[in-house]
PDB file of N, CA and C in Angstrom:
ATOM      1  N   MET A   1     -10.088  12.803 -35.645  1.00  0.00           N
ATOM      2  CA  MET A   1      -9.896  12.411 -33.973  1.00  0.00           C
ATOM      3  C   MET A   1      -9.181  13.579 -33.308  1.00  0.00           C
ATOM      4  N   THR A   2      -9.893  13.698 -31.834  1.00  0.00           N
ATOM      5  CA  THR A   2      -9.543  15.051 -31.392  1.00  0.00           C
ATOM      6  C   THR A   2      -7.857  14.473 -30.481  1.00  0.00           C
ATOM      7  N   ALA A   3      -7.068  15.244 -30.085  1.00  0.00           N
ATOM      8  CA  ALA A   3      -6.068  14.801 -29.528  1.00  0.00           C
ATOM      9  C   ALA A   3      -6.269  13.918 -27.951  1.00  0.00           C
ATOM     10  N   PRO A   4      -7.188  14.704 -27.047  1.00  0.00           N
ATOM     11  CA  PRO A   4      -7.591  13.534 -25.981  1.00  0.00           C
ATOM     12  C   PRO A   4      -7.979  12.254 -26.238  1.00  0.00           C
ATOM     13  N   HIS A   5      -8.871  12.100 -27.656  1.00  0.00           N
ATOM     14  CA  HIS A   5      -9.512  10.555 -27.699  1.00  0.00           C
ATOM     15  C   HIS A   5      -8.140   9.723 -28.601  1.00  0.00           C
ATOM     16  N   ALA A   6      -7.214  10.464 -29.268  1.00  0.00           N
ATOM     17  CA  ALA A   6      -6.162   9.949 -29.832  1.00  0.00           C
ATOM     18  C   ALA A   6      -5.276   9.506 -28.657  1.00  0.00           C
ATOM     19  N   ASP A   7      -4.983  10.058 -27.917  1.00  0.00           N
ATOM     20  CA  ASP A   7      -4.264   9.711 -26.490  1.00  0.00           C
ATOM     21  C   ASP A   7      -4.808   8.510 -25.732  1.00  0.00           C
ATOM     22  N   ALA A   8      -6.015   8.668 -25.501  1.00  0.00           N
ATOM     23  CA  ALA A   8      -6.836   7.567 -24.960  1.00  0.00           C
ATOM     24  C   ALA A   8      -6.673   6.204 -25.821  1.00  0.00           C
ATOM     25  N   GLU A   9      -6.649   6.411 -27.297  1.00  0.00           N
ATOM     26  CA  GLU A   9      -6.775   5.140 -27.842  1.00  0.00           C
ATOM     27  C   GLU A   9      -5.012   4.571 -27.667  1.00  0.00           C
ATOM     28  N   GLN A  10      -4.174   5.484 -27.681  1.00  0.00           N
ATOM     29  CA  GLN A  10      -2.546   5.047 -27.507  1.00  0.00           C
ATOM     30  C   GLN A  10      -2.730   4.074 -26.336  1.00  0.00           C
ATOM     31  N   ARG A  11      -3.117   5.130 -25.379  1.00  0.00           N
ATOM     32  CA  ARG A  11      -2.664   4.383 -23.908  1.00  0.00           C
ATOM     33  C   ARG A  11      -3.641   3.099 -23.921  1.00  0.00           C
ATOM     34  N   ALA A  12      -4.866   2.708 -24.525  1.00  0.00           N
ATOM     35  CA  ALA A  12      -5.466   1.689 -24.315  1.00  0.00           C
ATOM     36  C   ALA A  12      -4.516   0.653 -25.432  1.00  0.00           C
ATOM     37  N   ALA A  13      -4.078   1.109 -26.408  1.00  0.00           N
ATOM     38  CA  ALA A  13      -3.224   0.149 -27.132  1.00  0.00           C
ATOM     39  C   ALA A  13      -2.236  -0.883 -26.663  1.00  0.00           C
ATOM     40  N   LEU A  14      -1.831   0.520 -25.732  1.00  0.00           N
ATOM     41  CA  LEU A  14      -0.438   0.243 -24.700  1.00  0.00           C
ATOM     42  C   LEU A  14      -0.555  -0.563 -23.831  1.00  0.00           C
ATOM     43  N   ALA A  15      -1.339  -0.221 -23.063  1.00  0.00           N
ATOM     44  CA  ALA A  15      -2.109  -1.221 -22.140  1.00  0.00           C
ATOM     45  C   ALA A  15      -2.435  -2.730 -22.606  1.00  0.00           C
ATOM     46  N   ASP A  16      -3.030  -2.738 -23.480  1.00  0.00           N
ATOM     47  CA  ASP A  16      -3.176  -4.220 -24.346  1.00  0.00           C
ATOM     48  C   ASP A  16      -1.950  -4.911 -24.343  1.00  0.00           C
ATOM     49  N   ARG A  17      -1.085  -4.067 -24.987  1.00  0.00           N
ATOM     50  CA  ARG A  17       0.180  -4.601 -25.384  1.00  0.00           C
ATOM     51  C   ARG A  17       1.025  -5.140 -24.356  1.00  0.00           C
ATOM     52  N   CYS A  18       0.939  -4.267 -23.379  1.00  0.00           N
ATOM     53  CA  CYS A  18       1.510  -4.706 -21.839  1.00  0.00           C
ATOM     54  C   CYS A  18       1.081  -5.766 -21.361  1.00  0.00           C
ATOM     55  N   HIS A  19      -0.289  -5.700 -21.483  1.00  0.00           N
ATOM     56  CA  HIS A  19      -1.149  -7.025 -20.867  1.00  0.00           C
ATOM     57  C   HIS A  19      -0.616  -8.204 -21.359  1.00  0.00           C
ATOM     58  N   ARG A  20      -0.850  -8.174 -22.903  1.00  0.00           N
ATOM     59  CA  ARG A  20      -0.242  -9.489 -23.382  1.00  0.00           C
ATOM     60  C   ARG A  20       1.139  -9.914 -23.125  1.00  0.00           C
ATOM     61  N   LEU A  21       1.934  -8.818 -23.269  1.00  0.00           N
ATOM     62  CA  LEU A  21       3.492  -9.189 -23.046  1.00  0.00           C
ATOM     63  C   LEU A  21       3.678  -9.942 -21.348  1.00  0.00           C
ATOM     64  N   VAL A  22       2.943  -9.627 -20.470  1.00  0.00           N
ATOM     65  CA  VAL A  22       2.823  -9.950 -19.030  1.00  0.00           C
ATOM     66  C   VAL A  22       2.307 -11.628 -19.190  1.00  0.00           C
ATOM     67  N   ARG A  23       1.473 -11.601 -19.848  1.00  0.00           N
ATOM     68  CA  ARG A  23       0.385 -13.000 -19.958  1.00  0.00           C
ATOM     69  C   ARG A  23       1.658 -13.830 -20.409  1.00  0.00           C
ATOM     70  N   PHE A  24       1.971 -13.444 -21.563  1.00  0.00           N
ATOM     71  CA  PHE A  24       3.123 -14.199 -22.333  1.00  0.00           C
ATOM     72  C   PHE A  24       4.256 -14.540 -21.371  1.00  0.00           C
ATOM     73  N   LEU A  25       4.877 -13.680 -20.828  1.00  0.00           N
ATOM     74  CA  LEU A  25       6.185 -13.905 -19.683  1.00  0.00           C
ATOM     75  C   LEU A  25       5.456 -15.026 -18.496  1.00  0.00           C
ATOM     76  N   HIS A  26       4.369 -14.816 -18.385  1.00  0.00           N
ATOM     77  CA  HIS A  26       3.794 -15.597 -17.129  1.00  0.00           C
ATOM     78  C   HIS A  26       3.705 -17.101 -17.716  1.00  0.00           C
ATOM     79  N   GLU A  27       3.221 -17.194 -18.856  1.00  0.00           N
ATOM     80  CA  GLU A  27       3.423 -18.811 -19.296  1.00  0.00           C
ATOM     81  C   GLU A  27       4.596 -19.105 -19.809  1.00  0.00           C
ATOM     82  N   VAL A  28       5.222 -18.209 -20.334  1.00  0.00           N
ATOM     83  CA  VAL A  28       7.059 -19.125 -20.259  1.00  0.00           C
ATOM     84  C   VAL A  28       7.475 -19.389 -19.085  1.00  0.00           C
ATOM     85  N   ALA A  29       7.263 -18.634 -17.782  1.00  0.00           N
ATOM     86  CA  ALA A  29       7.946 -19.012 -16.838  1.00  0.00           C
ATOM     87  C   ALA A  29       6.913 -20.316 -16.139  1.00  0.00           C
ATOM     88  N   VAL A  30       5.550 -20.321 -16.192  1.00  0.00           N
ATOM     89  CA  VAL A  30       4.963 -21.848 -15.673  1.00  0.00           C
ATOM     90  C   VAL A  30       5.571 -22.561 -16.413  1.00  0.00           C
ATOM     91  N   GLY A  31       5.738 -22.706 -17.884  1.00  0.00           N
ATOM     92  CA  GLY A  31       6.150 -23.574 -18.599  1.00  0.00           C
ATOM     93  C   GLY A  31       7.730 -24.255 -18.594  1.00  0.00           C
ATOM     94  N   ARG A  32       8.538 -23.482 -17.974  1.00  0.00           N
ATOM     95  CA  ARG A  32      10.192 -23.465 -17.328  1.00  0.00           C
ATOM     96  C   ARG A  32       9.686 -24.186 -15.996  1.00  0.00           C
ATOM     97  N   SER A  33       9.064 -23.800 -15.051  1.00  0.00           N
ATOM     98  CA  SER A  33       9.012 -24.542 -13.687  1.00  0.00           C
ATOM     99  C   SER A  33       8.530 -25.770 -13.637  1.00  0.00           C
ATOM    100  N   LYS A  34       9.225 -26.652 -12.844  1.00  0.00           N
ATOM    101  CA  LYS A  34       9.064 -27.875 -12.563  1.00  0.00           C
ATOM    102  C   LYS A  34       7.489 -28.193 -11.775  1.00  0.00           C
ATOM    103  N   ARG A  35       6.797 -29.069 -12.196  1.00  0.00           N
ATOM    104  CA  ARG A  35       5.668 -29.092 -11.524  1.00  0.00           C
ATOM    105  C   ARG A  35       5.381 -29.668 -10.163  1.00  0.00           C
ATOM    106  N   VAL A  36       4.868 -29.298  -9.324  1.00  0.00           N
ATOM    107  CA  VAL A  36       5.012 -30.045  -7.730  1.00  0.00           C
ATOM    108  C   VAL A  36       3.749 -30.992  -7.949  1.00  0.00           C
ATOM    109  N   ARG A  37       3.743 -32.452  -8.011  1.00  0.00           N
ATOM    110  CA  ARG A  37       2.796 -33.227  -7.883  1.00  0.00           C
ATOM    111  C   ARG A  37       2.545 -33.754  -6.648  1.00  0.00           C
ATOM    112  N   THR A  38       3.655 -34.063  -5.842  1.00  0.00           N
ATOM    113  CA  THR A  38       3.385 -34.557  -4.455  1.00  0.00           C
ATOM    114  C   THR A  38       4.476 -33.797  -3.319  1.00  0.00           C
ATOM    115  N   VAL A  39       3.897 -33.764  -2.233  1.00  0.00           N
ATOM    116  CA  VAL A  39       4.696 -33.206  -1.287  1.00  0.00           C
ATOM    117  C   VAL A  39       5.186 -34.150  -0.053  1.00  0.00           C
ATOM    118  N   ASP A  40       4.964 -35.516  -0.140  1.00  0.00           N
ATOM    119  CA  ASP A  40       5.001 -36.578   0.836  1.00  0.00           C
ATOM    120  C   ASP A  40       6.505 -36.225   1.313  1.00  0.00           C
ATOM    121  N   GLU A  41       7.381 -35.921   0.587  1.00  0.00           N
ATOM    122  CA  GLU A  41       9.180 -36.092   0.832  1.00  0.00           C
ATOM    123  C   GLU A  41       9.456 -34.540   1.056  1.00  0.00           C
ATOM    124  N   HIS A  42       8.708 -33.330   1.164  1.00  0.00           N
ATOM    125  CA  HIS A  42       9.169 -32.550   1.159  1.00  0.00           C
ATOM    126  C   HIS A  42       9.673 -32.075   2.766  1.00  0.00           C
ATOM    127  N   PRO A  43      10.867 -31.708   3.129  1.00  0.00           N
ATOM    128  CA  PRO A  43      11.027 -31.629   4.260  1.00  0.00           C
ATOM    129  C   PRO A  43      10.597 -30.682   5.421  1.00  0.00           C
ATOM    130  N   LEU A  44       9.344 -29.468   4.606  1.00  0.00           N
ATOM    131  CA  LEU A  44       8.961 -28.868   5.508  1.00  0.00           C
ATOM    132  C   LEU A  44       7.307 -28.830   5.733  1.00  0.00           C
ATOM    133  N   THR A  45       6.980 -30.331   5.420  1.00  0.00           N
ATOM    134  CA  THR A  45       5.617 -30.783   5.320  1.00  0.00           C
ATOM    135  C   THR A  45       5.466 -31.079   6.771  1.00  0.00           C
ATOM    136  N   VAL A  46       4.393 -30.387   7.272  1.00  0.00           N
ATOM    137  CA  VAL A  46       3.548 -30.852   8.535  1.00  0.00           C
ATOM    138  C   VAL A  46       2.036 -31.125   8.220  1.00  0.00           C
ATOM    139  N   TRP A  47       1.617 -32.557   8.351  1.00  0.00           N
ATOM    140  CA  TRP A  47       0.153 -32.572   8.077  1.00  0.00           C
ATOM    141  C   TRP A  47      -0.256 -32.239   9.648  1.00  0.00           C
ATOM    142  N   LEU A  48      -1.318 -31.732   9.083  1.00  0.00           N
ATOM    143  CA  LEU A  48      -2.744 -31.114  10.132  1.00  0.00           C
ATOM    144  C   LEU A  48      -2.896 -32.377  11.142  1.00  0.00           C
ATOM    145  N   ALA A  49      -2.930 -33.332  10.640  1.00  0.00           N
ATOM    146  CA  ALA A  49      -2.829 -34.239  11.803  1.00  0.00           C
ATOM    147  C   ALA A  49      -1.942 -34.692  12.974  1.00  0.00           C
ATOM    148  N   ASP A  50      -0.875 -34.344  12.243  1.00  0.00           N
ATOM    149  CA  ASP A  50       0.474 -34.195  13.245  1.00  0.00           C
ATOM    150  C   ASP A  50       0.645 -33.186  13.932  1.00  0.00           C
ATOM    151  N   VAL A  51      -0.106 -32.083  14.176  1.00  0.00           N
ATOM    152  CA  VAL A  51       0.309 -31.197  14.705  1.00  0.00           C
ATOM    153  C   VAL A  51       0.422 -31.271  16.025  1.00  0.00           C
ATOM    154  N   PRO A  52       1.459 -30.617  16.915  1.00  0.00           N
ATOM    155  CA  PRO A  52       1.981 -30.714  18.375  1.00  0.00           C
ATOM    156  C   PRO A  52       0.967 -30.459  19.047  1.00  0.00           C
ATOM    157  N   ALA A  53       0.970 -31.083  20.646  1.00  0.00           N
ATOM    158  CA  ALA A  53      -0.112 -30.710  21.649  1.00  0.00           C
ATOM    159  C   ALA A  53      -0.068 -29.442  21.803  1.00  0.00           C
ATOM    160  N   GLY A  54      -0.884 -28.525  22.093  1.00  0.00           N
ATOM    161  CA  GLY A  54      -0.823 -27.348  22.487  1.00  0.00           C
ATOM    162  C   GLY A  54      -1.266 -26.335  21.308  1.00  0.00           C
ATOM    163  N   VAL A  55      -0.876 -26.692  20.051  1.00  0.00           N
ATOM    164  CA  VAL A  55      -1.627 -25.895  18.917  1.00  0.00           C
ATOM    165  C   VAL A  55      -2.753 -26.304  18.709  1.00  0.00           C
ATOM    166  N   ALA A  56      -3.529 -24.887  18.803  1.00  0.00           N
ATOM    167  CA  ALA A  56      -5.164 -25.301  18.248  1.00  0.00           C
ATOM    168  C   ALA A  56      -5.504 -25.051  17.008  1.00  0.00           C
ATOM    169  N   LEU A  57      -5.918 -25.922  16.025  1.00  0.00           N
ATOM    170  CA  LEU A  57      -6.264 -25.829  14.898  1.00  0.00           C
ATOM    171  C   LEU A  57      -7.755 -25.567  14.387  1.00  0.00           C
ATOM    172  N   SER A  58      -7.956 -24.432  13.945  1.00  0.00           N
ATOM    173  CA  SER A  58      -9.322 -24.039  13.555  1.00  0.00           C
ATOM    174  C   SER A  58      -9.735 -24.601  12.284  1.00  0.00           C
ATOM    175  N   GLU A  59     -10.403 -25.668  12.330  1.00  0.00           N
ATOM    176  CA  GLU A  59     -10.792 -26.498  11.112  1.00  0.00           C
ATOM    177  C   GLU A  59     -11.781 -25.832  10.000  1.00  0.00           C
ATOM    178  N   HIS A  60     -12.316 -25.134  10.727  1.00  0.00           N
ATOM    179  CA  HIS A  60     -13.605 -23.927   9.530  1.00  0.00           C
ATOM    180  C   HIS A  60     -12.993 -22.963   9.367  1.00  0.00           C
ATOM    181  N   ALA A  61     -11.653 -22.599   9.453  1.00  0.00           N
ATOM    182  CA  ALA A  61     -10.919 -21.213   8.934  1.00  0.00           C
ATOM    183  C   ALA A  61     -11.115 -20.987   7.294  1.00  0.00           C
ATOM    184  N   GLY A  62     -11.505 -19.864   6.849  1.00  0.00           N
ATOM    185  CA  GLY A  62     -11.611 -19.662   5.669  1.00  0.00           C
ATOM    186  C   GLY A  62     -10.075 -18.932   4.994  1.00  0.00           C
ATOM    187  N   ALA A  63     -10.471 -18.167   3.972  1.00  0.00           N
ATOM    188  CA  ALA A  63      -9.421 -17.679   3.526  1.00  0.00           C
ATOM    189  C   ALA A  63      -9.135 -16.391   4.032  1.00  0.00           C
ATOM    190  N   GLY A  64      -7.769 -16.271   4.825  1.00  0.00           N
ATOM    191  CA  GLY A  64      -7.477 -14.810   5.509  1.00  0.00           C
ATOM    192  C   GLY A  64      -7.833 -15.166   6.607  1.00  0.00           C
ATOM    193  N   GLU A  65      -8.281 -16.177   7.407  1.00  0.00           N
ATOM    194  CA  GLU A  65      -8.432 -16.680   8.715  1.00  0.00           C
ATOM    195  C   GLU A  65      -7.308 -17.286   9.312  1.00  0.00           C
ATOM    196  N   VAL A  66      -7.259 -17.307  10.875  1.00  0.00           N
ATOM    197  CA  VAL A  66      -6.200 -17.846  11.471  1.00  0.00           C
ATOM    198  C   VAL A  66      -6.605 -19.684  11.580  1.00  0.00           C
ATOM    199  N   LEU A  67      -5.367 -20.315  11.041  1.00  0.00           N
ATOM    200  CA  LEU A  67      -5.577 -21.751  10.839  1.00  0.00           C
ATOM    201  C   LEU A  67      -5.003 -22.471  11.970  1.00  0.00           C
ATOM    202  N   LEU A  68      -3.740 -22.022  12.303  1.00  0.00           N
ATOM    203  CA  LEU A  68      -3.257 -22.569  13.853  1.00  0.00           C
ATOM    204  C   LEU A  68      -2.832 -21.351  14.707  1.00  0.00           C
ATOM    205  N   THR A  69      -3.100 -21.884  16.107  1.00  0.00           N
ATOM    206  CA  THR A  69      -2.659 -21.160  16.867  1.00  0.00           C
ATOM    207  C   THR A  69      -1.979 -21.675  17.936  1.00  0.00           C
ATOM    208  N   ALA A  70      -0.414 -21.209  18.308  1.00  0.00           N
ATOM    209  CA  ALA A  70       0.482 -22.116  19.129  1.00  0.00           C
ATOM    210  C   ALA A  70       0.894 -20.914  20.012  1.00  0.00           C
ATOM    211  N   PRO A  71       1.031 -21.085  21.161  1.00  0.00           N
ATOM    212  CA  PRO A  71       1.328 -20.673  22.573  1.00  0.00           C
ATOM    213  C   PRO A  71       2.664 -19.857  22.287  1.00  0.00           C
ATOM    214  N   ALA A  72       2.803 -18.748  22.995  1.00  0.00           N
ATOM    215  CA  ALA A  72       4.140 -18.060  22.928  1.00  0.00           C
ATOM    216  C   ALA A  72       5.217 -18.961  23.464  1.00  0.00           C
ATOM    217  N   ALA A  73       6.519 -18.486  22.383  1.00  0.00           N
ATOM    218  CA  ALA A  73       7.456 -19.522  23.301  1.00  0.00           C
ATOM    219  C   ALA A  73       8.202 -18.990  24.524  1.00  0.00           C
ATOM    220  N   ALA A  74       8.271 -19.938  25.363  1.00  0.00           N
ATOM    221  CA  ALA A  74       8.953 -19.703  26.448  1.00  0.00           C
ATOM    222  C   ALA A  74      10.345 -18.722  26.281  1.00  0.00           C
ATOM    223  N   THR A  75      10.732 -17.637  27.571  1.00  0.00           N
ATOM    224  CA  THR A  75      11.790 -16.936  27.410  1.00  0.00           C
ATOM    225  C   THR A  75      12.726 -17.919  28.068  1.00  0.00           C
ATOM    226  N   LEU A  76      14.006 -17.620  27.580  1.00  0.00           N
ATOM    227  CA  LEU A  76      15.212 -18.159  28.484  1.00  0.00           C
ATOM    228  C   LEU A  76      15.595 -17.390  29.726  1.00  0.00           C
ATOM    229  N   PRO A  77      15.991 -17.927  30.770  1.00  0.00           N
ATOM    230  CA  PRO A  77      16.335 -16.657  31.813  1.00  0.00           C
ATOM    231  C   PRO A  77      17.660 -15.977  31.323  1.00  0.00           C
ATOM    232  N   PRO A  78      18.148 -15.177  31.813  1.00  0.00           N
ATOM    233  CA  PRO A  78      19.258 -14.432  31.302  1.00  0.00           C
ATOM    234  C   PRO A  78      20.666 -15.160  31.765  1.00  0.00           C
ATOM    235  N   PRO A  79      21.875 -15.387  31.160  1.00  0.00           N
ATOM    236  CA  PRO A  79      22.810 -15.886  31.557  1.00  0.00           C
ATOM    237  C   PRO A  79      23.591 -15.463  32.861  1.00  0.00           C
ATOM    238  N   PRO A  80      24.331 -16.028  33.551  1.00  0.00           N
ATOM    239  CA  PRO A  80      24.651 -15.600  34.675  1.00  0.00           C
ATOM    240  C   PRO A  80      25.962 -14.399  34.418  1.00  0.00           C
ATOM    241  N   PRO A  81      25.864 -13.436  35.374  1.00  0.00           N
ATOM    242  CA  PRO A  81      27.052 -12.670  35.200  1.00  0.00           C
ATOM    243  C   PRO A  81      28.470 -13.285  34.570  1.00  0.00           C
ATOM    244  N   LEU A  82      29.383 -12.736  33.998  1.00  0.00           N
ATOM    245  CA  LEU A  82      30.442 -13.263  33.570  1.00  0.00           C
ATOM    246  C   LEU A  82      31.433 -12.573  34.980  1.00  0.00           C
ATOM    247  N   PRO A  83      32.433 -13.586  35.463  1.00  0.00           N
ATOM    248  CA  PRO A  83      33.603 -13.498  36.489  1.00  0.00           C
ATOM    249  C   PRO A  83      34.189 -11.881  36.285  1.00  0.00           C
ATOM    250  N   PRO A  84      34.602 -11.107  37.172  1.00  0.00           N
ATOM    251  CA  PRO A  84      35.308 -10.127  36.747  1.00  0.00           C
ATOM    252  C   PRO A  84      36.815 -10.676  36.393  1.00  0.00           C
ATOM    253  N   ILE A  85      37.516  -9.722  35.382  1.00  0.00           N
ATOM    254  CA  ILE A  85      38.625  -9.938  34.835  1.00  0.00           C
ATOM    255  C   ILE A  85      39.985  -9.369  35.562  1.00  0.00           C
TER     256      ILE A  85
END
């Protein structure tokens, strides 16, 4: 074997070993995490049927597209100046 060929084989073996390690660690993490089966009681759940008035819903939005559009929040007027001390 030539040196560049041996180096390429070592890199391929190392990449394969690294890939298998990451896959194993992923499987361990997934196995330890609690599976979410329902979101009915989650405090941050907002059903699309219940979005407030003024929020536009794009029903046909695909991956990476805008789903909800809300108007900008109103700015509050500045507070009155403090009295002199």
